[in-house]
Amino acid sequence: MSRKVKLIFNPTADKGQAWQIASDLRPIVANFGHADWSGTVYPTHATELACQAGEQGYDMVIALGGDGTVHEVINGLMQIPEVKRPVLGIVPIGSGNDFAQSIRVPQKPDLALVHALHAPPHPVDLGLFSDATGRKEYFDNTLGIGFDAVVTIRSHKLPLVQGFMMYLTAVIQTIILNFNAMQLHVETESETWDLSTLMLTLCNGSREGGGFLVAPKARNNDGLIDYATICKVSRLMMLRLVPEVMKGTHGRFKQVRTGTCRKMSITSDRALFIHADGEIFTGFNTDIHNLSMQVIPNAIQVVRG
């Protein structure tokens, strides 16, 4: 019996180039037999569409877009009971595609779609986080607090550059314009610390921002979340650390703390800037000071490489 497949497509992905890419993929879908298409038209629409697909009995949902589209689709699928939850496939056509890279999905859209339609799924861990108001979201790749969240906010305002250069430009802007440390109290299941912190990133996957290797040893099927935190340093030292983060060698510096955990709670003396998989959770006009996180092992079935 053939599978019932829903393709959720973000036409604005990759700075608006996604529409043509999706059009070029139509023959592959036709060769498969049949699949239904849905396009997103507003933020969180992919979450609604994915949840509806699960409720309508689809066996598979394929996300065509970037990390933000995948993030929304996963949050929709996780609203469906596990026994009825569709398998997730991914066709990376965004700016970063970090989660797709971490699960070794082919980076060419046509090969990725063929792979999604025909390869077997495997379980992948997710992170689940919530703030003091009770607002909850899942993340599949990274949860960034502080510096890299501001980088994400700034990258969304750079229409003339794409991919890794977009994030690198935003990094330089953030070092110049938003270089403020947070006093964090952090607790995991095995340790506690207080530290003046520029950046704390929780990693289910190894990289973010199109190629920054924040947690090079992270694996999204080991039941753990890796973390990397950079304490308060000078602008000059942060510029020194940026190429190290790109290579994944920043852990050798005394200003960097790394480790793994299954749970984490965070309390800050100032409002937290937070991104989840490149999607803004709290921005410049929010006032969230507390966050908690836990890993959900084998949370979702994903077609991976």
C-alpha atoms as a PDB file:
ATOM      1  CA  MET A   1       0.000   0.000   0.000  1.00  0.00           C
ATOM      2  CA  SER A   2       1.408   3.378  -0.974  1.00  0.00           C
ATOM      3  CA  ARG A   3       2.113   5.974   1.671  1.00  0.00           C
ATOM      4  CA  LYS A   4       0.024   9.101   2.045  1.00  0.00           C
ATOM      5  CA  VAL A   5       2.479  11.995   1.728  1.00  0.00           C
ATOM      6  CA  LYS A   6       2.091  15.717   2.425  1.00  0.00           C
ATOM      7  CA  LEU A   7       4.693  18.223   1.202  1.00  0.00           C
ATOM      8  CA  ILE A   8       4.807  21.469   3.191  1.00  0.00           C
ATOM      9  CA  PHE A   9       6.564  24.131   1.182  1.00  0.00           C
ATOM     10  CA  ASN A  10       7.855  27.548   2.240  1.00  0.00           C
ATOM     11  CA  PRO A  11       7.899  29.670  -0.938  1.00  0.00           C
ATOM     12  CA  THR A  12       9.945  32.435   0.734  1.00  0.00           C
ATOM     13  CA  ALA A  13      12.846  30.134   1.688  1.00  0.00           C
ATOM     14  CA  ASP A  14      16.312  30.859   0.315  1.00  0.00           C
ATOM     15  CA  LYS A  15      15.462  34.545  -0.177  1.00  0.00           C
ATOM     16  CA  GLY A  16      12.517  33.720  -2.456  1.00  0.00           C
ATOM     17  CA  GLN A  17      14.336  31.229  -4.695  1.00  0.00           C
ATOM     18  CA  ALA A  18      12.426  28.277  -3.272  1.00  0.00           C
ATOM     19  CA  TRP A  19       9.433  28.615  -5.592  1.00  0.00           C
ATOM     20  CA  GLN A  20      11.450  27.728  -8.677  1.00  0.00           C
ATOM     21  CA  ILE A  21      13.220  24.907  -6.851  1.00  0.00           C
ATOM     22  CA  ALA A  22       9.898  23.394  -5.806  1.00  0.00           C
ATOM     23  CA  SER A  23       8.572  23.673  -9.331  1.00  0.00           C
ATOM     24  CA  ASP A  24      11.581  21.740 -10.597  1.00  0.00           C
ATOM     25  CA  LEU A  25      10.785  18.942  -8.144  1.00  0.00           C
ATOM     26  CA  ARG A  26       7.302  18.251  -9.499  1.00  0.00           C
ATOM     27  CA  PRO A  27       8.421  15.454 -11.889  1.00  0.00           C
ATOM     28  CA  ILE A  28       9.925  13.537  -8.945  1.00  0.00           C
ATOM     29  CA  VAL A  29       6.618  13.740  -7.084  1.00  0.00           C
ATOM     30  CA  ALA A  30       4.723  12.637 -10.200  1.00  0.00           C
ATOM     31  CA  ASN A  31       7.075   9.677 -10.630  1.00  0.00           C
ATOM     32  CA  PHE A  32       6.487   8.693  -7.005  1.00  0.00           C
ATOM     33  CA  GLY A  33       2.787   8.459  -7.717  1.00  0.00           C
ATOM     34  CA  HIS A  34       1.004  11.122  -5.710  1.00  0.00           C
ATOM     35  CA  ALA A  35       1.581  13.586  -2.899  1.00  0.00           C
ATOM     36  CA  ASP A  36      -0.345  16.604  -1.694  1.00  0.00           C
ATOM     37  CA  TRP A  37       1.226  20.070  -1.557  1.00  0.00           C
ATOM     38  CA  SER A  38       0.581  22.849   0.951  1.00  0.00           C
ATOM     39  CA  GLY A  39       2.321  26.242   0.958  1.00  0.00           C
ATOM     40  CA  THR A  40       2.937  28.415   3.988  1.00  0.00           C
ATOM     41  CA  VAL A  41       1.695  32.005   3.996  1.00  0.00           C
ATOM     42  CA  TYR A  42       2.419  33.302   7.518  1.00  0.00           C
ATOM     43  CA  PRO A  43       4.636  32.513  10.545  1.00  0.00           C
ATOM     44  CA  THR A  44       3.761  29.225  12.330  1.00  0.00           C
ATOM     45  CA  HIS A  45       1.600  28.173   9.352  1.00  0.00           C
ATOM     46  CA  ALA A  46       3.864  25.154   8.786  1.00  0.00           C
ATOM     47  CA  THR A  47       3.162  24.066  12.383  1.00  0.00           C
ATOM     48  CA  GLU A  48      -0.581  24.179  11.733  1.00  0.00           C
ATOM     49  CA  LEU A  49      -0.257  22.351   8.409  1.00  0.00           C
ATOM     50  CA  ALA A  50       1.892  19.594   9.903  1.00  0.00           C
ATOM     51  CA  CYS A  51      -0.510  19.068  12.775  1.00  0.00           C
ATOM     52  CA  GLN A  52      -3.432  18.918  10.340  1.00  0.00           C
ATOM     53  CA  ALA A  53      -1.558  16.403   8.203  1.00  0.00           C
ATOM     54  CA  GLY A  54      -1.150  14.138  11.215  1.00  0.00           C
ATOM     55  CA  GLU A  55      -4.811  14.472  12.123  1.00  0.00           C
ATOM     56  CA  GLN A  56      -5.769  13.665   8.512  1.00  0.00           C
ATOM     57  CA  GLY A  57      -3.860  10.404   8.529  1.00  0.00           C
ATOM     58  CA  TYR A  58      -0.798  11.242   6.447  1.00  0.00           C
ATOM     59  CA  ASP A  59       2.041   8.755   6.850  1.00  0.00           C
ATOM     60  CA  MET A  60       4.787  11.223   5.951  1.00  0.00           C
ATOM     61  CA  VAL A  61       5.285  14.974   5.984  1.00  0.00           C
ATOM     62  CA  ILE A  62       8.143  16.423   3.940  1.00  0.00           C
ATOM     63  CA  ALA A  63       9.366  19.909   4.853  1.00  0.00           C
ATOM     64  CA  LEU A  64      10.650  21.891   1.868  1.00  0.00           C
ATOM     65  CA  GLY A  65      12.464  24.931   3.230  1.00  0.00           C
ATOM     66  CA  GLY A  66      15.167  25.955   5.650  1.00  0.00           C
ATOM     67  CA  ASP A  67      15.770  25.311   9.326  1.00  0.00           C
ATOM     68  CA  GLY A  68      12.823  27.506  10.283  1.00  0.00           C
ATOM     69  CA  THR A  69      10.393  25.482   8.188  1.00  0.00           C
ATOM     70  CA  VAL A  70      11.699  22.227   9.655  1.00  0.00           C
ATOM     71  CA  HIS A  71      11.388  23.683  13.163  1.00  0.00           C
ATOM     72  CA  GLU A  72       7.752  24.617  12.593  1.00  0.00           C
ATOM     73  CA  VAL A  73       6.877  21.287  10.993  1.00  0.00           C
ATOM     74  CA  ILE A  74       8.409  19.359  13.882  1.00  0.00           C
ATOM     75  CA  ASN A  75       6.446  21.425  16.397  1.00  0.00           C
ATOM     76  CA  GLY A  76       3.290  20.546  14.485  1.00  0.00           C
ATOM     77  CA  LEU A  77       4.087  16.835  14.278  1.00  0.00           C
ATOM     78  CA  MET A  78       4.857  16.664  17.997  1.00  0.00           C
ATOM     79  CA  GLN A  79       1.234  17.615  18.700  1.00  0.00           C
ATOM     80  CA  ILE A  80       0.222  14.255  17.206  1.00  0.00           C
ATOM     81  CA  PRO A  81       0.266  11.119  19.433  1.00  0.00           C
ATOM     82  CA  GLU A  82       3.353   9.024  18.776  1.00  0.00           C
ATOM     83  CA  VAL A  83       1.432   6.050  17.345  1.00  0.00           C
ATOM     84  CA  LYS A  84      -0.143   8.298  14.697  1.00  0.00           C
ATOM     85  CA  ARG A  85       2.733  10.722  14.151  1.00  0.00           C
ATOM     86  CA  PRO A  86       3.871  10.963  10.508  1.00  0.00           C
ATOM     87  CA  VAL A  87       7.482  10.351   9.517  1.00  0.00           C
ATOM     88  CA  LEU A  88       9.424  13.530   8.712  1.00  0.00           C
ATOM     89  CA  GLY A  89      11.333  14.033   5.487  1.00  0.00           C
ATOM     90  CA  ILE A  90      13.410  17.110   4.651  1.00  0.00           C
ATOM     91  CA  VAL A  91      14.300  18.874   1.405  1.00  0.00           C
ATOM     92  CA  PRO A  92      16.803  21.620   2.347  1.00  0.00           C
ATOM     93  CA  ILE A  93      16.202  24.824   0.392  1.00  0.00           C
ATOM     94  CA  GLY A  94      16.997  27.434   3.040  1.00  0.00           C
ATOM     95  CA  SER A  95      19.913  29.665   3.968  1.00  0.00           C
ATOM     96  CA  GLY A  96      21.543  27.488   6.623  1.00  0.00           C
ATOM     97  CA  ASN A  97      20.080  23.963   6.404  1.00  0.00           C
ATOM     98  CA  ASP A  98      22.014  23.020   9.539  1.00  0.00           C
ATOM     99  CA  PHE A  99      19.654  20.290  10.755  1.00  0.00           C
ATOM    100  CA  ALA A 100      19.516  18.692   7.313  1.00  0.00           C
ATOM    101  CA  GLN A 101      23.305  18.672   7.258  1.00  0.00           C
ATOM    102  CA  SER A 102      23.507  17.154  10.737  1.00  0.00           C
ATOM    103  CA  ILE A 103      21.342  14.184   9.725  1.00  0.00           C
ATOM    104  CA  ARG A 104      23.257  13.843   6.447  1.00  0.00           C
ATOM    105  CA  VAL A 105      20.346  14.575   4.125  1.00  0.00           C
ATOM    106  CA  PRO A 106      21.557  15.162   0.532  1.00  0.00           C
ATOM    107  CA  GLN A 107      22.037  18.890   0.051  1.00  0.00           C
ATOM    108  CA  LYS A 108      20.766  18.939  -3.541  1.00  0.00           C
ATOM    109  CA  PRO A 109      16.959  19.302  -3.406  1.00  0.00           C
ATOM    110  CA  ASP A 110      16.226  16.701  -6.077  1.00  0.00           C
ATOM    111  CA  LEU A 111      18.383  14.065  -4.393  1.00  0.00           C
ATOM    112  CA  ALA A 112      16.949  14.996  -0.988  1.00  0.00           C
ATOM    113  CA  LEU A 113      13.381  14.513  -2.203  1.00  0.00           C
ATOM    114  CA  VAL A 114      14.135  11.110  -3.725  1.00  0.00           C
ATOM    115  CA  HIS A 115      15.853  10.151  -0.485  1.00  0.00           C
ATOM    116  CA  ALA A 116      12.905  11.339   1.634  1.00  0.00           C
ATOM    117  CA  LEU A 117      10.400   9.382  -0.453  1.00  0.00           C
ATOM    118  CA  HIS A 118      12.297   6.101  -0.513  1.00  0.00           C
ATOM    119  CA  ALA A 119      14.758   5.786   2.405  1.00  0.00           C
ATOM    120  CA  PRO A 120      13.776   4.328   5.807  1.00  0.00           C
ATOM    121  CA  PRO A 121      13.268   6.563   8.861  1.00  0.00           C
ATOM    122  CA  HIS A 122      15.289   6.562  12.069  1.00  0.00           C
ATOM    123  CA  PRO A 123      14.554   8.024  15.519  1.00  0.00           C
ATOM    124  CA  VAL A 124      15.968  11.451  16.376  1.00  0.00           C
ATOM    125  CA  ASP A 125      16.098  13.226  19.741  1.00  0.00           C
ATOM    126  CA  LEU A 126      14.525  16.631  20.298  1.00  0.00           C
ATOM    127  CA  GLY A 127      14.919  19.281  22.943  1.00  0.00           C
ATOM    128  CA  LEU A 128      11.834  20.665  24.716  1.00  0.00           C
ATOM    129  CA  PHE A 129      12.103  24.056  26.397  1.00  0.00           C
ATOM    130  CA  SER A 130       9.723  26.370  28.238  1.00  0.00           C
ATOM    131  CA  ASP A 131       9.779  29.809  29.835  1.00  0.00           C
ATOM    132  CA  ALA A 132       8.244  31.046  33.074  1.00  0.00           C
ATOM    133  CA  THR A 133       4.927  31.792  31.353  1.00  0.00           C
ATOM    134  CA  GLY A 134       4.528  28.130  30.350  1.00  0.00           C
ATOM    135  CA  ARG A 135       5.182  28.731  26.667  1.00  0.00           C
ATOM    136  CA  LYS A 136       6.807  25.598  25.203  1.00  0.00           C
ATOM    137  CA  GLU A 137       8.558  24.669  21.973  1.00  0.00           C
ATOM    138  CA  TYR A 138      10.648  21.833  20.624  1.00  0.00           C
ATOM    139  CA  PHE A 139      14.003  22.370  18.950  1.00  0.00           C
ATOM    140  CA  ASP A 140      15.714  19.908  16.661  1.00  0.00           C
ATOM    141  CA  ASN A 141      19.116  21.554  16.196  1.00  0.00           C
ATOM    142  CA  THR A 142      20.128  24.425  18.500  1.00  0.00           C
ATOM    143  CA  LEU A 143      18.679  26.651  21.195  1.00  0.00           C
ATOM    144  CA  GLY A 144      20.703  29.857  21.411  1.00  0.00           C
ATOM    145  CA  ILE A 145      20.666  32.321  24.305  1.00  0.00           C
ATOM    146  CA  GLY A 146      22.350  35.711  24.256  1.00  0.00           C
ATOM    147  CA  PHE A 147      24.904  36.499  21.570  1.00  0.00           C
ATOM    148  CA  ASP A 148      23.873  33.995  18.906  1.00  0.00           C
ATOM    149  CA  ALA A 149      20.200  34.833  19.381  1.00  0.00           C
ATOM    150  CA  VAL A 150      20.991  38.494  18.641  1.00  0.00           C
ATOM    151  CA  VAL A 151      22.991  37.323  15.618  1.00  0.00           C
ATOM    152  CA  THR A 152      19.885  35.490  14.426  1.00  0.00           C
ATOM    153  CA  ILE A 153      17.720  38.583  14.916  1.00  0.00           C
ATOM    154  CA  ARG A 154      20.195  40.684  12.932  1.00  0.00           C
ATOM    155  CA  SER A 155      20.583  38.078  10.177  1.00  0.00           C
ATOM    156  CA  HIS A 156      16.852  38.356   9.437  1.00  0.00           C
ATOM    157  CA  LYS A 157      17.437  42.012   8.560  1.00  0.00           C
ATOM    158  CA  LEU A 158      20.143  41.387   5.939  1.00  0.00           C
ATOM    159  CA  PRO A 159      18.368  40.958   2.584  1.00  0.00           C
ATOM    160  CA  LEU A 160      21.423  41.410   0.372  1.00  0.00           C
ATOM    161  CA  VAL A 161      23.554  38.520   1.629  1.00  0.00           C
ATOM    162  CA  GLN A 162      22.709  34.838   1.963  1.00  0.00           C
ATOM    163  CA  GLY A 163      23.885  31.633   3.588  1.00  0.00           C
ATOM    164  CA  PHE A 164      26.992  31.601   5.759  1.00  0.00           C
ATOM    165  CA  MET A 165      27.984  35.184   4.808  1.00  0.00           C
ATOM    166  CA  MET A 166      24.641  36.430   6.109  1.00  0.00           C
ATOM    167  CA  TYR A 167      25.364  34.940   9.535  1.00  0.00           C
ATOM    168  CA  LEU A 168      28.994  36.071   9.561  1.00  0.00           C
ATOM    169  CA  THR A 169      27.921  39.648   8.769  1.00  0.00           C
ATOM    170  CA  ALA A 170      25.389  39.487  11.600  1.00  0.00           C
ATOM    171  CA  VAL A 171      28.100  38.184  13.964  1.00  0.00           C
ATOM    172  CA  ILE A 172      30.297  41.219  13.261  1.00  0.00           C
ATOM    173  CA  GLN A 173      27.343  43.586  13.685  1.00  0.00           C
ATOM    174  CA  THR A 174      26.466  41.995  17.026  1.00  0.00           C
ATOM    175  CA  ILE A 175      30.018  42.282  18.343  1.00  0.00           C
ATOM    176  CA  ILE A 176      29.948  46.003  17.529  1.00  0.00           C
ATOM    177  CA  LEU A 177      26.392  46.879  18.574  1.00  0.00           C
ATOM    178  CA  ASN A 178      25.003  44.328  21.084  1.00  0.00           C
ATOM    179  CA  PHE A 179      27.900  43.133  23.193  1.00  0.00           C
ATOM    180  CA  ASN A 180      26.246  42.754  26.585  1.00  0.00           C
ATOM    181  CA  ALA A 181      26.825  39.933  29.056  1.00  0.00           C
ATOM    182  CA  MET A 182      24.152  38.219  31.175  1.00  0.00           C
ATOM    183  CA  GLN A 183      24.665  37.022  34.725  1.00  0.00           C
ATOM    184  CA  LEU A 184      23.371  33.460  34.508  1.00  0.00           C
ATOM    185  CA  HIS A 185      22.597  30.894  37.170  1.00  0.00           C
ATOM    186  CA  VAL A 186      22.588  27.489  35.455  1.00  0.00           C
ATOM    187  CA  GLU A 187      21.627  24.088  36.837  1.00  0.00           C
ATOM    188  CA  THR A 188      21.791  20.699  35.119  1.00  0.00           C
ATOM    189  CA  GLU A 189      21.127  17.244  36.533  1.00  0.00           C
ATOM    190  CA  SER A 190      24.792  17.027  37.561  1.00  0.00           C
ATOM    191  CA  GLU A 191      26.258  20.533  38.020  1.00  0.00           C
ATOM    192  CA  THR A 192      25.522  24.171  38.887  1.00  0.00           C
ATOM    193  CA  TRP A 193      27.324  27.380  37.981  1.00  0.00           C
ATOM    194  CA  ASP A 194      27.037  31.160  38.059  1.00  0.00           C
ATOM    195  CA  LEU A 195      28.792  33.022  35.273  1.00  0.00           C
ATOM    196  CA  SER A 196      28.773  36.361  33.474  1.00  0.00           C
ATOM    197  CA  THR A 197      27.901  35.032  30.034  1.00  0.00           C
ATOM    198  CA  LEU A 198      27.814  36.350  26.483  1.00  0.00           C
ATOM    199  CA  MET A 199      26.441  33.211  24.860  1.00  0.00           C
ATOM    200  CA  LEU A 200      24.951  29.886  25.889  1.00  0.00           C
ATOM    201  CA  THR A 201      23.965  27.486  23.127  1.00  0.00           C
ATOM    202  CA  LEU A 202      22.276  24.125  23.655  1.00  0.00           C
ATOM    203  CA  CYS A 203      23.014  21.771  20.788  1.00  0.00           C
ATOM    204  CA  ASN A 204      21.207  18.694  19.536  1.00  0.00           C
ATOM    205  CA  GLY A 205      23.170  19.067  16.289  1.00  0.00           C
ATOM    206  CA  SER A 206      26.775  20.080  15.827  1.00  0.00           C
ATOM    207  CA  ARG A 207      26.456  23.349  13.923  1.00  0.00           C
ATOM    208  CA  GLU A 208      24.330  26.464  13.382  1.00  0.00           C
ATOM    209  CA  GLY A 209      24.398  29.598  11.253  1.00  0.00           C
ATOM    210  CA  GLY A 210      25.274  27.730   8.080  1.00  0.00           C
ATOM    211  CA  GLY A 211      28.550  26.335   9.387  1.00  0.00           C
ATOM    212  CA  PHE A 212      29.529  27.462  12.909  1.00  0.00           C
ATOM    213  CA  LEU A 213      30.603  24.241  14.689  1.00  0.00           C
ATOM    214  CA  VAL A 214      29.340  25.189  18.127  1.00  0.00           C
ATOM    215  CA  ALA A 215      29.280  21.586  19.414  1.00  0.00           C
ATOM    216  CA  PRO A 216      31.345  19.408  17.061  1.00  0.00           C
ATOM    217  CA  LYS A 217      30.729  16.240  19.116  1.00  0.00           C
ATOM    218  CA  ALA A 218      26.948  16.651  19.358  1.00  0.00           C
ATOM    219  CA  ARG A 219      24.799  13.780  18.112  1.00  0.00           C
ATOM    220  CA  ASN A 220      21.031  13.957  17.805  1.00  0.00           C
ATOM    221  CA  ASN A 221      20.453  10.314  18.726  1.00  0.00           C
ATOM    222  CA  ASP A 222      22.468   9.921  21.951  1.00  0.00           C
ATOM    223  CA  GLY A 223      19.887  11.127  24.485  1.00  0.00           C
ATOM    224  CA  LEU A 224      22.040  14.138  25.389  1.00  0.00           C
ATOM    225  CA  ILE A 225      22.172  17.850  24.660  1.00  0.00           C
ATOM    226  CA  ASP A 226      25.642  19.354  24.247  1.00  0.00           C
ATOM    227  CA  TYR A 227      26.204  22.916  25.418  1.00  0.00           C
ATOM    228  CA  ALA A 228      28.792  25.605  24.810  1.00  0.00           C
ATOM    229  CA  THR A 229      28.981  28.846  26.762  1.00  0.00           C
ATOM    230  CA  ILE A 230      31.280  31.816  26.269  1.00  0.00           C
ATOM    231  CA  CYS A 231      31.860  33.971  29.326  1.00  0.00           C
ATOM    232  CA  LYS A 232      32.228  37.736  29.323  1.00  0.00           C
ATOM    233  CA  VAL A 233      35.216  38.629  27.114  1.00  0.00           C
ATOM    234  CA  SER A 234      36.420  41.701  25.243  1.00  0.00           C
ATOM    235  CA  ARG A 235      35.295  42.459  21.698  1.00  0.00           C
ATOM    236  CA  LEU A 236      38.800  41.676  20.524  1.00  0.00           C
ATOM    237  CA  MET A 237      38.719  38.272  22.189  1.00  0.00           C
ATOM    238  CA  MET A 238      35.304  37.533  20.695  1.00  0.00           C
ATOM    239  CA  LEU A 239      36.707  38.299  17.254  1.00  0.00           C
ATOM    240  CA  ARG A 240      39.492  35.865  18.095  1.00  0.00           C
ATOM    241  CA  LEU A 241      36.971  33.194  19.066  1.00  0.00           C
ATOM    242  CA  VAL A 242      34.750  33.514  15.964  1.00  0.00           C
ATOM    243  CA  PRO A 243      37.098  31.600  13.603  1.00  0.00           C
ATOM    244  CA  GLU A 244      37.603  29.004  16.350  1.00  0.00           C
ATOM    245  CA  VAL A 245      33.831  28.443  16.539  1.00  0.00           C
ATOM    246  CA  MET A 246      33.768  28.110  12.754  1.00  0.00           C
ATOM    247  CA  LYS A 247      36.315  25.285  13.051  1.00  0.00           C
ATOM    248  CA  GLY A 248      34.883  23.781  16.232  1.00  0.00           C
ATOM    249  CA  THR A 249      38.115  24.355  18.173  1.00  0.00           C
ATOM    250  CA  HIS A 250      36.834  26.979  20.643  1.00  0.00           C
ATOM    251  CA  GLY A 251      36.541  24.458  23.465  1.00  0.00           C
ATOM    252  CA  ARG A 252      40.289  24.683  24.128  1.00  0.00           C
ATOM    253  CA  PHE A 253      39.981  28.278  25.391  1.00  0.00           C
ATOM    254  CA  LYS A 254      39.522  28.951  29.114  1.00  0.00           C
ATOM    255  CA  GLN A 255      36.729  31.455  28.325  1.00  0.00           C
ATOM    256  CA  VAL A 256      34.610  28.625  26.887  1.00  0.00           C
ATOM    257  CA  ARG A 257      32.730  26.037  28.919  1.00  0.00           C
ATOM    258  CA  THR A 258      31.371  22.897  27.233  1.00  0.00           C
ATOM    259  CA  GLY A 259      29.589  19.770  28.375  1.00  0.00           C
ATOM    260  CA  THR A 260      26.484  17.627  28.030  1.00  0.00           C
ATOM    261  CA  CYS A 261      23.238  17.342  29.940  1.00  0.00           C
ATOM    262  CA  ARG A 262      19.751  15.911  29.860  1.00  0.00           C
ATOM    263  CA  LYS A 263      18.111  18.809  31.675  1.00  0.00           C
ATOM    264  CA  MET A 264      18.992  22.456  32.252  1.00  0.00           C
ATOM    265  CA  SER A 265      17.392  25.408  34.012  1.00  0.00           C
ATOM    266  CA  ILE A 266      18.570  28.986  33.472  1.00  0.00           C
ATOM    267  CA  THR A 267      17.936  32.165  35.448  1.00  0.00           C
ATOM    268  CA  SER A 268      19.215  35.532  34.206  1.00  0.00           C
ATOM    269  CA  ASP A 269      19.587  38.991  35.717  1.00  0.00           C
ATOM    270  CA  ARG A 270      18.382  40.522  32.453  1.00  0.00           C
ATOM    271  CA  ALA A 271      15.911  39.681  29.719  1.00  0.00           C
ATOM    272  CA  LEU A 272      16.975  36.686  27.637  1.00  0.00           C
ATOM    273  CA  PHE A 273      17.295  36.827  23.860  1.00  0.00           C
ATOM    274  CA  ILE A 274      16.488  33.333  22.572  1.00  0.00           C
ATOM    275  CA  HIS A 275      16.354  31.611  19.205  1.00  0.00           C
ATOM    276  CA  ALA A 276      15.294  28.038  18.478  1.00  0.00           C
ATOM    277  CA  ASP A 277      16.629  26.592  15.206  1.00  0.00           C
ATOM    278  CA  GLY A 278      16.994  30.124  13.863  1.00  0.00           C
ATOM    279  CA  GLU A 279      13.439  31.131  14.819  1.00  0.00           C
ATOM    280  CA  ILE A 280      13.130  34.019  17.284  1.00  0.00           C
ATOM    281  CA  PHE A 281      11.543  32.910  20.568  1.00  0.00           C
ATOM    282  CA  THR A 282      12.239  36.154  22.467  1.00  0.00           C
ATOM    283  CA  GLY A 283      13.484  39.384  20.905  1.00  0.00           C
ATOM    284  CA  PHE A 284      14.451  42.887  21.956  1.00  0.00           C
ATOM    285  CA  ASN A 285      11.023  43.734  23.383  1.00  0.00           C
ATOM    286  CA  THR A 286      10.444  40.705  25.626  1.00  0.00           C
ATOM    287  CA  ASP A 287      11.117  40.236  29.336  1.00  0.00           C
ATOM    288  CA  ILE A 288      11.830  36.551  29.946  1.00  0.00           C
ATOM    289  CA  HIS A 289      14.398  35.789  32.667  1.00  0.00           C
ATOM    290  CA  ASN A 290      13.924  32.035  33.173  1.00  0.00           C
ATOM    291  CA  LEU A 291      14.154  29.028  30.881  1.00  0.00           C
ATOM    292  CA  SER A 292      14.121  25.266  31.353  1.00  0.00           C
ATOM    293  CA  MET A 293      15.055  22.512  28.907  1.00  0.00           C
ATOM    294  CA  GLN A 294      14.979  18.736  28.699  1.00  0.00           C
ATOM    295  CA  VAL A 295      15.947  16.272  26.001  1.00  0.00           C
ATOM    296  CA  ILE A 296      13.272  13.944  24.574  1.00  0.00           C
ATOM    297  CA  PRO A 297      15.104  10.806  23.366  1.00  0.00           C
ATOM    298  CA  ASN A 298      13.897   9.151  20.142  1.00  0.00           C
ATOM    299  CA  ALA A 299      11.159  11.771  19.899  1.00  0.00           C
ATOM    300  CA  ILE A 300      10.427  11.629  16.176  1.00  0.00           C
ATOM    301  CA  GLN A 301      11.055   9.407  13.146  1.00  0.00           C
ATOM    302  CA  VAL A 302      13.097  11.214  10.484  1.00  0.00           C
ATOM    303  CA  VAL A 303      14.434  10.073   7.126  1.00  0.00           C
ATOM    304  CA  ARG A 304      18.144  10.685   7.560  1.00  0.00           C
ATOM    305  CA  GLY A 305      21.292   9.795   5.663  1.00  0.00           C
END
